[in-house]
Amino acid sequence: MLVGVNEQIERVVDLTDPTLNHLYDMSVEQARALMLNEPAECVNRIRGSFALIAKRERTVRMARSLDRPMRYFLAKRKEGPALIVSDRIDSIFAWLGNEGLGDQFRPNYTRMVPAHYVVELQLVGCPDPDPVYERFFSPKPGTLPADPDVIGKTYVSALAAEIAQWLRSIPADAPIGVCFSGGIDSGSVFLVTYHVMRKLGMSPGRLKAFVLDLGDGPDLRQAREFLEPLGLSLFLEPIESEASAIDVAATIRVVEDYKALDIESAAMALALAGGIRARYPDWRYLLDGDGGDENLKDYPIEANPELTIRSVIHNPMLYQEGWGVGKIKHSLTYSGGLSRSYVRTYATARHYGFSGFSPYTMPGVIAVAAAIPFQELTGYDVERLYALKGDVVSRGVTAVTGMKMPVFTKRRFQHGALSEDSLRTRLPFREAEYRNQFFSLYD
């Protein structure tokens, strides 16, 4: 716990778990010193997964990686302001209640530190000054040549480098699971992980491809069709569960959000993580492909009336960060894009005690994706944009691993574990109801 030097004036309470910071090149103490003493752009030198807070006198700075939520709440006390920081809304609520400050709490009064920014607060009491946001990760768009072979190799090489660094940082005998569907993202993560482990002299026997099977979904068949031509079927392990076990209320409590598509995806993630945990009580490390769709802009534009292909192409970080800090549509409570929705992956894994890793969320990989000349490659043609990810990633996987990766039509996680008809029965698409359920937790 971090406490201010002058406790009678201001207080900072850090409820984040410091053991979850997974840094490669420096200690947590060095990273905090860098945040305090260097310009914001230097925070990009912190490699790995992190949610950090640093304080000097009344100045507080916070920053996080894309794969870690970080929330804060500023409470009023007669002695001075109290800043409470956590990865979860409910832990902030509990702390305030224990301190007799619960009447101040509203879930929409909490704030999310947006990914890729340093947030600076001055704890000077009422009225509270607005936070200052300074970007620390600014990838340069459109700098790669319009050559799918060059792009693919560069992109998957960056993916392999992130996976290799992560593999070297975990125990040498730890089993590794990939949350797998046979789609482009999870498929590429599995194949590249397998390749890197062999290249580093690690035993691939540590590796499994876990696929969720709720009875009538297409993912299990697709997973087999992906691995069989490559002679890798022995790594596949189905995790069977019953669709009746899906619990909407529990999912909302875990992810602390109400967006319908994210609740659907999180419900599947909970079923998969719960099934793995029941079978393997000591398993810790899970990989997944979250972030791959965002990097290659592979979402149905026609499903969102606010989007056009031009807005997607000309906003390089749109899917990672939403419309961006300082924009009218930016949510202070939830941030935007994957910066918001990654909680569906983080919180569900944490709920069952897993340490997750999504290499597609790492800046080194995102920077390559941002450098793709989307305008030149697509000519603003929507179908060419949709075809781009499979083309680029499959070429890259072949170039880096020598394996020809099967490419199947894109399908959301929640549409692969069980049929869409069954999904609608279990999870009716009514965001307003999910929102009401979430806010009712704090009535």
Protein backbone atom coordinates (compact mmCIF):
# COMPACT_ATOMS: atom_id res chain seq x y z
CA MET A 1 0.00 0.00 0.00
CA LEU A 2 1.27 3.48 -0.88
CA VAL A 3 0.59 6.24 1.64
CA GLY A 4 1.29 9.94 1.20
CA VAL A 5 4.12 11.58 3.14
CA ASN A 6 1.69 14.00 4.80
CA GLU A 7 -1.20 11.72 5.71
CA GLN A 8 -3.13 14.57 7.34
CA ILE A 9 -3.53 16.30 3.97
CA GLU A 10 -3.76 13.65 1.27
CA ARG A 11 -3.75 9.87 1.05
CA VAL A 12 -3.06 7.44 -1.79
CA VAL A 13 -4.26 3.86 -1.39
CA ASP A 14 -2.90 1.37 -3.92
CA LEU A 15 -5.15 -1.71 -4.02
CA THR A 16 -3.52 -3.14 -7.14
CA ASP A 17 -1.59 -6.38 -6.75
CA PRO A 18 2.11 -5.55 -7.31
CA THR A 19 2.89 -9.20 -8.08
CA LEU A 20 0.86 -8.90 -11.29
CA ASN A 21 3.33 -6.45 -12.79
CA HIS A 22 5.31 -8.57 -15.24
CA LEU A 23 8.27 -6.40 -16.28
CA TYR A 24 11.20 -7.55 -18.39
CA ASP A 25 13.92 -4.89 -18.25
CA MET A 26 13.50 -3.10 -14.93
CA SER A 27 12.08 -3.43 -11.45
CA VAL A 28 8.76 -1.96 -10.37
CA GLU A 29 10.67 0.61 -8.30
CA GLN A 30 12.72 1.64 -11.35
CA ALA A 31 9.57 1.91 -13.44
CA ARG A 32 7.92 4.16 -10.87
CA ALA A 33 11.00 6.37 -10.70
CA LEU A 34 10.97 6.64 -14.49
CA MET A 35 7.30 7.72 -14.40
CA LEU A 36 8.10 10.48 -11.91
CA ASN A 37 11.38 11.76 -13.31
CA GLU A 38 11.19 11.36 -17.08
CA PRO A 39 8.90 12.75 -19.81
CA ALA A 40 5.75 10.74 -20.46
CA GLU A 41 7.05 9.21 -23.71
CA CYS A 42 9.80 7.45 -21.71
CA VAL A 43 7.16 5.22 -20.10
CA ASN A 44 7.17 3.33 -23.41
CA ARG A 45 10.54 1.95 -22.28
CA ILE A 46 8.72 -0.11 -19.63
CA ARG A 47 8.42 -3.50 -21.28
CA GLY A 48 5.83 -6.01 -20.20
CA SER A 49 2.47 -5.93 -18.44
CA PHE A 50 1.97 -3.27 -15.78
CA ALA A 51 -0.38 -1.04 -13.81
CA LEU A 52 1.75 1.48 -11.92
CA ILE A 53 1.20 4.40 -9.60
CA ALA A 54 3.90 6.81 -8.44
CA LYS A 55 3.62 9.74 -6.02
CA ARG A 56 5.72 12.75 -5.12
CA GLU A 57 4.24 15.19 -2.63
CA ARG A 58 0.78 16.00 -4.06
CA THR A 59 1.50 14.82 -7.59
CA VAL A 60 0.33 11.33 -8.55
CA ARG A 61 1.05 9.65 -11.88
CA MET A 62 -0.56 6.46 -13.14
CA ALA A 63 0.01 4.37 -16.25
CA ARG A 64 -0.88 0.91 -17.51
CA SER A 65 -0.36 -1.42 -20.42
CA LEU A 66 -3.28 -2.31 -22.69
CA ASP A 67 -3.75 -5.72 -21.07
CA ARG A 68 -4.30 -4.43 -17.52
CA PRO A 69 -7.27 -2.43 -16.20
CA MET A 70 -6.50 0.36 -13.74
CA ARG A 71 -9.26 2.34 -12.04
CA TYR A 72 -9.28 5.14 -9.51
CA PHE A 73 -11.70 7.05 -7.29
CA LEU A 74 -11.12 10.34 -5.50
CA ALA A 75 -12.84 10.47 -2.12
CA LYS A 76 -13.36 13.43 0.20
CA ARG A 77 -12.19 13.32 3.82
CA LYS A 78 -12.03 16.13 6.34
CA GLU A 79 -8.25 15.59 6.48
CA GLY A 80 -7.92 15.93 2.71
CA PRO A 81 -8.52 13.92 -0.47
CA ALA A 82 -8.01 10.17 -0.69
CA LEU A 83 -7.14 8.56 -4.01
CA ILE A 84 -8.00 4.86 -4.21
CA VAL A 85 -6.54 2.85 -7.11
CA SER A 86 -7.45 -0.72 -8.07
CA ASP A 87 -8.01 -3.05 -10.99
CA ARG A 88 -11.61 -3.54 -9.82
CA ILE A 89 -14.58 -1.33 -9.03
CA ASP A 90 -15.85 -3.59 -6.25
CA SER A 91 -12.60 -3.39 -4.29
CA ILE A 92 -12.77 0.42 -4.36
CA PHE A 93 -16.35 0.19 -3.12
CA ALA A 94 -15.37 -2.17 -0.32
CA TRP A 95 -12.49 0.03 0.83
CA LEU A 96 -14.70 3.12 0.95
CA GLY A 97 -17.30 1.21 2.95
CA ASN A 98 -14.70 0.07 5.48
CA GLU A 99 -13.53 3.67 5.88
CA GLY A 100 -17.04 5.02 6.38
CA LEU A 101 -16.98 6.76 3.00
CA GLY A 102 -19.37 4.48 1.13
CA ASP A 103 -22.03 7.18 0.69
CA GLN A 104 -19.70 8.97 -1.75
CA PHE A 105 -19.49 5.99 -4.10
CA ARG A 106 -21.14 5.61 -7.46
CA PRO A 107 -19.71 3.11 -9.98
CA ASN A 108 -19.78 5.77 -12.69
CA TYR A 109 -17.70 8.08 -10.46
CA THR A 110 -14.77 5.70 -10.84
CA ARG A 111 -12.29 6.51 -13.61
CA MET A 112 -10.27 4.24 -15.86
CA VAL A 113 -6.67 5.09 -16.65
CA PRO A 114 -6.67 4.88 -20.46
CA ALA A 115 -4.09 2.56 -21.96
CA HIS A 116 -0.98 4.19 -23.44
CA TYR A 117 -1.31 7.38 -21.38
CA VAL A 118 0.28 8.77 -18.24
CA VAL A 119 -2.47 10.28 -16.08
CA GLU A 120 -1.33 12.98 -13.66
CA LEU A 121 -3.44 14.16 -10.72
CA GLN A 122 -2.82 16.91 -8.21
CA LEU A 123 -4.23 16.01 -4.78
CA VAL A 124 -5.04 19.51 -3.61
CA GLY A 125 -8.59 19.06 -2.31
CA CYS A 126 -11.82 20.73 -3.37
CA PRO A 127 -12.28 21.66 -6.12
CA ASP A 128 -10.33 18.81 -7.69
CA PRO A 129 -8.35 19.81 -10.78
CA ASP A 130 -8.87 17.83 -13.97
CA PRO A 131 -6.38 15.05 -14.67
CA VAL A 132 -3.69 15.67 -17.27
CA TYR A 133 -3.27 13.00 -19.96
CA GLU A 134 0.05 12.53 -21.79
CA ARG A 135 0.44 9.83 -24.42
CA PHE A 136 3.47 7.56 -24.05
CA PHE A 137 2.89 5.20 -27.01
CA SER A 138 2.54 6.82 -30.44
CA PRO A 139 3.12 4.31 -33.26
CA LYS A 140 3.79 5.81 -36.69
CA PRO A 141 1.07 4.86 -39.18
CA GLY A 142 1.54 3.62 -42.72
CA THR A 143 5.33 3.30 -42.84
CA LEU A 144 5.57 -0.28 -44.15
CA PRO A 145 5.63 -1.04 -47.89
CA ALA A 146 2.36 -2.25 -49.43
CA ASP A 147 3.73 -5.77 -49.75
CA PRO A 148 1.74 -8.47 -47.91
CA ASP A 149 4.80 -10.74 -47.69
CA VAL A 150 6.93 -8.04 -46.04
CA ILE A 151 4.08 -6.99 -43.77
CA GLY A 152 3.26 -10.56 -42.76
CA LYS A 153 6.83 -11.48 -41.95
CA THR A 154 7.41 -8.26 -39.99
CA TYR A 155 4.17 -8.62 -38.06
CA VAL A 156 4.55 -12.28 -37.12
CA SER A 157 8.25 -11.77 -36.32
CA ALA A 158 7.19 -9.13 -33.79
CA LEU A 159 4.62 -11.59 -32.42
CA ALA A 160 7.31 -14.28 -32.10
CA ALA A 161 9.64 -11.87 -30.30
CA GLU A 162 6.99 -11.03 -27.71
CA ILE A 163 6.15 -14.69 -27.17
CA ALA A 164 9.83 -15.61 -26.82
CA GLN A 165 10.40 -12.87 -24.25
CA TRP A 166 7.38 -14.01 -22.26
CA LEU A 167 8.40 -17.69 -22.41
CA ARG A 168 11.84 -16.85 -21.06
CA SER A 169 10.28 -14.98 -18.15
CA ILE A 170 8.09 -17.78 -16.75
CA PRO A 171 9.21 -20.98 -14.98
CA ALA A 172 10.96 -23.35 -17.39
CA ASP A 173 8.73 -26.29 -16.50
CA ALA A 174 5.39 -24.48 -16.33
CA PRO A 175 2.63 -25.89 -18.55
CA ILE A 176 1.23 -23.43 -21.08
CA GLY A 177 -2.29 -23.36 -22.42
CA VAL A 178 -3.54 -21.50 -25.49
CA CYS A 179 -7.20 -20.51 -25.51
CA PHE A 180 -7.86 -21.93 -28.94
CA SER A 181 -10.57 -21.93 -31.58
CA GLY A 182 -8.65 -22.49 -34.81
CA GLY A 183 -9.30 -18.88 -35.82
CA ILE A 184 -6.59 -16.62 -37.21
CA ASP A 185 -5.62 -15.03 -33.91
CA SER A 186 -5.56 -18.03 -31.57
CA GLY A 187 -4.24 -20.22 -34.40
CA SER A 188 -1.29 -17.95 -35.10
CA VAL A 189 -0.51 -17.60 -31.40
CA PHE A 190 -0.50 -21.39 -30.99
CA LEU A 191 1.67 -22.07 -34.05
CA VAL A 192 4.16 -19.33 -33.24
CA THR A 193 4.37 -20.43 -29.60
CA TYR A 194 5.00 -24.01 -30.70
CA HIS A 195 7.68 -22.82 -33.14
CA VAL A 196 9.39 -20.53 -30.62
CA MET A 197 9.44 -23.20 -27.91
CA ARG A 198 11.19 -25.63 -30.25
CA LYS A 199 13.59 -22.94 -31.41
CA LEU A 200 14.50 -22.09 -27.80
CA GLY A 201 14.99 -25.75 -26.92
CA MET A 202 11.89 -25.88 -24.74
CA SER A 203 9.72 -28.97 -24.59
CA PRO A 204 6.51 -28.52 -26.60
CA GLY A 205 5.04 -31.19 -24.34
CA ARG A 206 4.27 -28.32 -21.97
CA LEU A 207 1.81 -26.91 -24.51
CA LYS A 208 -1.93 -27.49 -24.91
CA ALA A 209 -4.61 -25.95 -27.14
CA PHE A 210 -7.76 -25.66 -25.03
CA VAL A 211 -11.01 -25.36 -26.99
CA LEU A 212 -14.37 -24.71 -25.34
CA ASP A 213 -17.16 -27.12 -26.24
CA LEU A 214 -20.67 -26.30 -25.01
CA GLY A 215 -22.31 -28.99 -27.11
CA ASP A 216 -23.39 -27.57 -30.44
CA GLY A 217 -20.80 -24.97 -31.43
CA PRO A 218 -18.53 -25.13 -34.50
CA ASP A 219 -15.20 -24.31 -32.82
CA LEU A 220 -14.26 -27.86 -31.84
CA ARG A 221 -14.61 -29.07 -35.42
CA GLN A 222 -12.72 -26.03 -36.71
CA ALA A 223 -9.94 -26.58 -34.17
CA ARG A 224 -9.48 -30.15 -35.38
CA GLU A 225 -9.50 -29.06 -39.02
CA PHE A 226 -6.83 -26.49 -38.18
CA LEU A 227 -4.44 -28.83 -36.37
CA GLU A 228 -4.84 -32.12 -38.26
CA PRO A 229 -3.18 -31.06 -41.57
CA LEU A 230 -0.22 -29.80 -39.55
CA GLY A 231 0.14 -33.04 -37.58
CA LEU A 232 -0.50 -31.22 -34.30
CA SER A 233 -3.80 -32.77 -33.21
CA LEU A 234 -2.20 -34.27 -30.11
CA PHE A 235 -2.06 -30.79 -28.57
CA LEU A 236 -5.82 -30.26 -28.76
CA GLU A 237 -7.79 -30.66 -25.55
CA PRO A 238 -11.54 -29.95 -25.54
CA ILE A 239 -13.00 -28.41 -22.40
CA GLU A 240 -16.60 -29.58 -22.20
CA SER A 241 -19.25 -27.71 -20.29
CA GLU A 242 -23.01 -27.30 -20.30
CA ALA A 243 -24.66 -24.26 -21.83
CA SER A 244 -27.02 -24.29 -18.86
CA ALA A 245 -24.08 -23.37 -16.63
CA ILE A 246 -23.77 -19.92 -18.23
CA ASP A 247 -24.59 -17.35 -15.56
CA VAL A 248 -25.21 -13.81 -16.82
CA ALA A 249 -25.30 -12.27 -13.35
CA ALA A 250 -22.00 -13.90 -12.38
CA THR A 251 -20.41 -12.73 -15.62
CA ILE A 252 -21.47 -9.14 -15.01
CA ARG A 253 -20.07 -9.28 -11.48
CA VAL A 254 -16.73 -10.57 -12.73
CA VAL A 255 -16.18 -8.15 -15.63
CA GLU A 256 -17.96 -5.15 -14.04
CA ASP A 257 -19.38 -4.05 -17.39
CA TYR A 258 -22.57 -4.37 -19.39
CA LYS A 259 -21.75 -4.16 -23.11
CA ALA A 260 -23.64 -7.05 -24.65
CA LEU A 261 -20.93 -8.45 -26.92
CA ASP A 262 -18.38 -8.30 -24.12
CA ILE A 263 -20.73 -10.05 -21.69
CA GLU A 264 -21.26 -12.81 -24.25
CA SER A 265 -17.53 -13.23 -24.82
CA ALA A 266 -16.77 -13.08 -21.10
CA ALA A 267 -19.37 -15.76 -20.37
CA MET A 268 -17.51 -18.09 -22.75
CA ALA A 269 -14.16 -17.12 -21.22
CA LEU A 270 -15.47 -17.93 -17.75
CA ALA A 271 -16.71 -21.31 -18.94
CA LEU A 272 -13.35 -22.11 -20.52
CA ALA A 273 -11.25 -20.90 -17.59
CA GLY A 274 -13.51 -22.66 -15.10
CA GLY A 275 -13.27 -25.91 -17.04
CA ILE A 276 -9.48 -25.74 -17.23
CA ARG A 277 -9.23 -24.95 -13.52
CA ALA A 278 -11.51 -27.85 -12.57
CA ARG A 279 -9.34 -30.24 -14.58
CA TYR A 280 -5.95 -28.74 -13.68
CA PRO A 281 -5.98 -27.21 -10.18
CA ASP A 282 -2.38 -25.97 -10.42
CA TRP A 283 -2.31 -24.63 -13.98
CA ARG A 284 -1.26 -20.99 -14.15
CA TYR A 285 -0.27 -19.70 -17.61
CA LEU A 286 -2.67 -19.05 -20.47
CA LEU A 287 -2.07 -17.45 -23.87
CA ASP A 288 -4.74 -16.06 -26.17
CA GLY A 289 -5.14 -14.05 -29.36
CA ASP A 290 -7.04 -11.07 -27.96
CA GLY A 291 -6.03 -7.92 -29.82
CA GLY A 292 -5.54 -9.54 -33.21
CA ASP A 293 -8.86 -8.28 -34.56
CA GLU A 294 -8.14 -4.77 -33.33
CA ASN A 295 -4.66 -4.65 -34.85
CA LEU A 296 -5.82 -5.67 -38.33
CA LYS A 297 -9.15 -3.78 -38.12
CA ASP A 298 -11.17 -6.97 -38.55
CA TYR A 299 -14.60 -5.97 -37.28
CA PRO A 300 -17.85 -5.67 -39.29
CA ILE A 301 -18.06 -1.96 -40.01
CA GLU A 302 -21.68 -2.26 -41.13
CA ALA A 303 -22.66 -3.43 -37.64
CA ASN A 304 -21.78 -0.02 -36.16
CA PRO A 305 -23.63 2.97 -37.63
CA GLU A 306 -20.98 5.33 -36.23
CA LEU A 307 -18.23 3.84 -38.40
CA THR A 308 -17.17 4.09 -42.01
CA ILE A 309 -14.16 2.46 -43.61
CA ARG A 310 -12.54 5.89 -43.77
CA SER A 311 -12.96 6.50 -40.06
CA VAL A 312 -11.52 3.06 -39.34
CA ILE A 313 -8.50 3.49 -41.62
CA HIS A 314 -7.74 7.08 -40.63
CA ASN A 315 -7.86 6.45 -36.88
CA PRO A 316 -4.89 4.10 -36.37
CA MET A 317 -5.70 3.25 -32.72
CA LEU A 318 -9.50 3.33 -33.00
CA TYR A 319 -10.09 -0.30 -32.12
CA GLN A 320 -7.46 -0.31 -29.36
CA GLU A 321 -8.43 2.95 -27.68
CA GLY A 322 -11.85 3.97 -28.96
CA TRP A 323 -12.25 7.53 -30.21
CA GLY A 324 -9.49 8.68 -27.88
CA VAL A 325 -8.93 10.75 -24.77
CA GLY A 326 -10.50 14.20 -24.93
CA LYS A 327 -13.20 13.17 -27.40
CA ILE A 328 -16.90 13.46 -26.60
CA LYS A 329 -17.43 9.71 -27.05
CA HIS A 330 -14.55 8.74 -24.74
CA SER A 331 -15.85 7.16 -21.53
CA LEU A 332 -14.03 8.37 -18.42
CA THR A 333 -15.44 5.42 -16.47
CA TYR A 334 -14.47 2.72 -18.97
CA SER A 335 -12.02 4.16 -21.52
CA GLY A 336 -12.69 2.84 -25.05
CA GLY A 337 -11.96 0.10 -27.58
CA LEU A 338 -9.86 -2.82 -26.37
CA SER A 339 -8.65 -0.56 -23.57
CA ARG A 340 -12.14 -1.13 -22.16
CA SER A 341 -13.09 -4.55 -23.44
CA TYR A 342 -9.87 -6.34 -22.47
CA VAL A 343 -11.38 -6.69 -18.99
CA ARG A 344 -13.41 -9.58 -20.44
CA THR A 345 -10.09 -11.46 -20.80
CA TYR A 346 -8.21 -10.13 -17.77
CA ALA A 347 -10.96 -10.44 -15.17
CA THR A 348 -12.16 -13.88 -16.24
CA ALA A 349 -8.63 -15.30 -16.12
CA ARG A 350 -7.93 -13.65 -12.76
CA HIS A 351 -11.21 -14.97 -11.36
CA TYR A 352 -9.87 -18.50 -11.71
CA GLY A 353 -6.29 -17.71 -10.71
CA PHE A 354 -4.66 -17.71 -14.17
CA SER A 355 -1.89 -15.48 -15.42
CA GLY A 356 -2.89 -14.54 -18.95
CA PHE A 357 -0.85 -13.16 -21.82
CA SER A 358 -2.08 -11.73 -25.11
CA PRO A 359 0.96 -11.01 -27.30
CA TYR A 360 -1.16 -9.08 -29.80
CA THR A 361 -1.70 -6.38 -27.14
CA MET A 362 2.01 -5.62 -26.78
CA PRO A 363 3.29 -2.30 -28.19
CA GLY A 364 5.90 -3.97 -30.36
CA VAL A 365 3.20 -5.87 -32.23
CA ILE A 366 0.71 -2.99 -32.31
CA ALA A 367 3.38 -0.69 -33.76
CA VAL A 368 3.87 -3.03 -36.73
CA ALA A 369 0.12 -3.24 -37.28
CA ALA A 370 -0.19 0.55 -37.19
CA ALA A 371 2.58 0.78 -39.80
CA ILE A 372 0.53 -1.20 -42.35
CA PRO A 373 -0.55 1.08 -45.25
CA PHE A 374 -4.24 0.16 -44.99
CA GLN A 375 -5.38 2.85 -47.41
CA GLU A 376 -3.04 1.71 -50.16
CA LEU A 377 -3.78 -1.99 -49.63
CA THR A 378 -7.56 -1.67 -49.50
CA GLY A 379 -8.40 1.36 -51.62
CA TYR A 380 -11.19 1.90 -49.06
CA ASP A 381 -12.81 -1.35 -50.14
CA VAL A 382 -14.48 -3.04 -47.17
CA GLU A 383 -14.15 -6.60 -48.47
CA ARG A 384 -10.44 -6.11 -49.15
CA LEU A 385 -10.01 -4.87 -45.59
CA TYR A 386 -11.81 -7.94 -44.21
CA ALA A 387 -9.60 -10.27 -46.28
CA LEU A 388 -6.38 -8.55 -45.24
CA LYS A 389 -5.85 -10.14 -41.83
CA GLY A 390 -6.01 -13.74 -43.02
CA ASP A 391 -3.72 -12.98 -45.96
CA VAL A 392 -1.11 -11.07 -43.94
CA VAL A 393 -1.03 -13.37 -40.91
CA SER A 394 -0.95 -16.62 -42.90
CA ARG A 395 1.93 -15.33 -45.03
CA GLY A 396 3.75 -14.24 -41.89
CA VAL A 397 3.26 -17.54 -40.09
CA THR A 398 4.63 -19.42 -43.10
CA ALA A 399 7.62 -17.09 -43.37
CA VAL A 400 8.49 -17.32 -39.67
CA THR A 401 7.58 -20.94 -38.83
CA GLY A 402 7.55 -22.74 -42.18
CA MET A 403 4.02 -23.99 -41.45
CA LYS A 404 1.07 -23.21 -43.72
CA MET A 405 -1.65 -21.92 -41.44
CA PRO A 406 -5.27 -22.76 -42.32
CA VAL A 407 -7.51 -19.68 -42.54
CA PHE A 408 -11.21 -19.91 -41.72
CA THR A 409 -13.95 -17.30 -41.88
CA LYS A 410 -13.98 -14.96 -38.90
CA ARG A 411 -16.28 -15.93 -36.07
CA ARG A 412 -16.67 -14.38 -32.61
CA PHE A 413 -15.65 -16.48 -29.61
CA GLN A 414 -19.23 -16.63 -28.32
CA HIS A 415 -20.47 -17.91 -31.69
CA GLY A 416 -18.02 -20.80 -31.76
CA ALA A 417 -18.59 -22.50 -28.43
CA LEU A 418 -22.31 -22.95 -29.04
CA SER A 419 -24.71 -22.11 -31.84
CA GLU A 420 -26.04 -18.58 -32.17
CA ASP A 421 -29.58 -19.81 -31.49
CA SER A 422 -28.46 -21.39 -28.22
CA LEU A 423 -26.49 -18.24 -27.37
CA ARG A 424 -29.55 -16.06 -27.78
CA THR A 425 -31.49 -18.36 -25.47
CA ARG A 426 -28.86 -18.11 -22.75
CA LEU A 427 -27.74 -14.51 -23.30
CA PRO A 428 -30.49 -12.32 -24.74
CA PHE A 429 -29.04 -9.32 -26.55
CA ARG A 430 -30.35 -6.53 -24.30
CA GLU A 431 -27.63 -4.20 -23.13
CA ALA A 432 -30.00 -2.06 -21.07
CA GLU A 433 -30.85 -5.08 -18.91
CA TYR A 434 -27.18 -5.87 -18.40
CA ARG A 435 -26.56 -2.24 -17.40
CA ASN A 436 -29.38 -2.35 -14.86
CA GLN A 437 -28.02 -5.60 -13.41
CA PHE A 438 -24.59 -4.05 -13.03
CA PHE A 439 -25.74 -0.86 -11.31
CA SER A 440 -28.03 -2.88 -9.05
CA LEU A 441 -24.91 -4.38 -7.46
CA TYR A 442 -24.36 -0.98 -5.77
CA ASP A 443 -27.95 0.01 -4.90
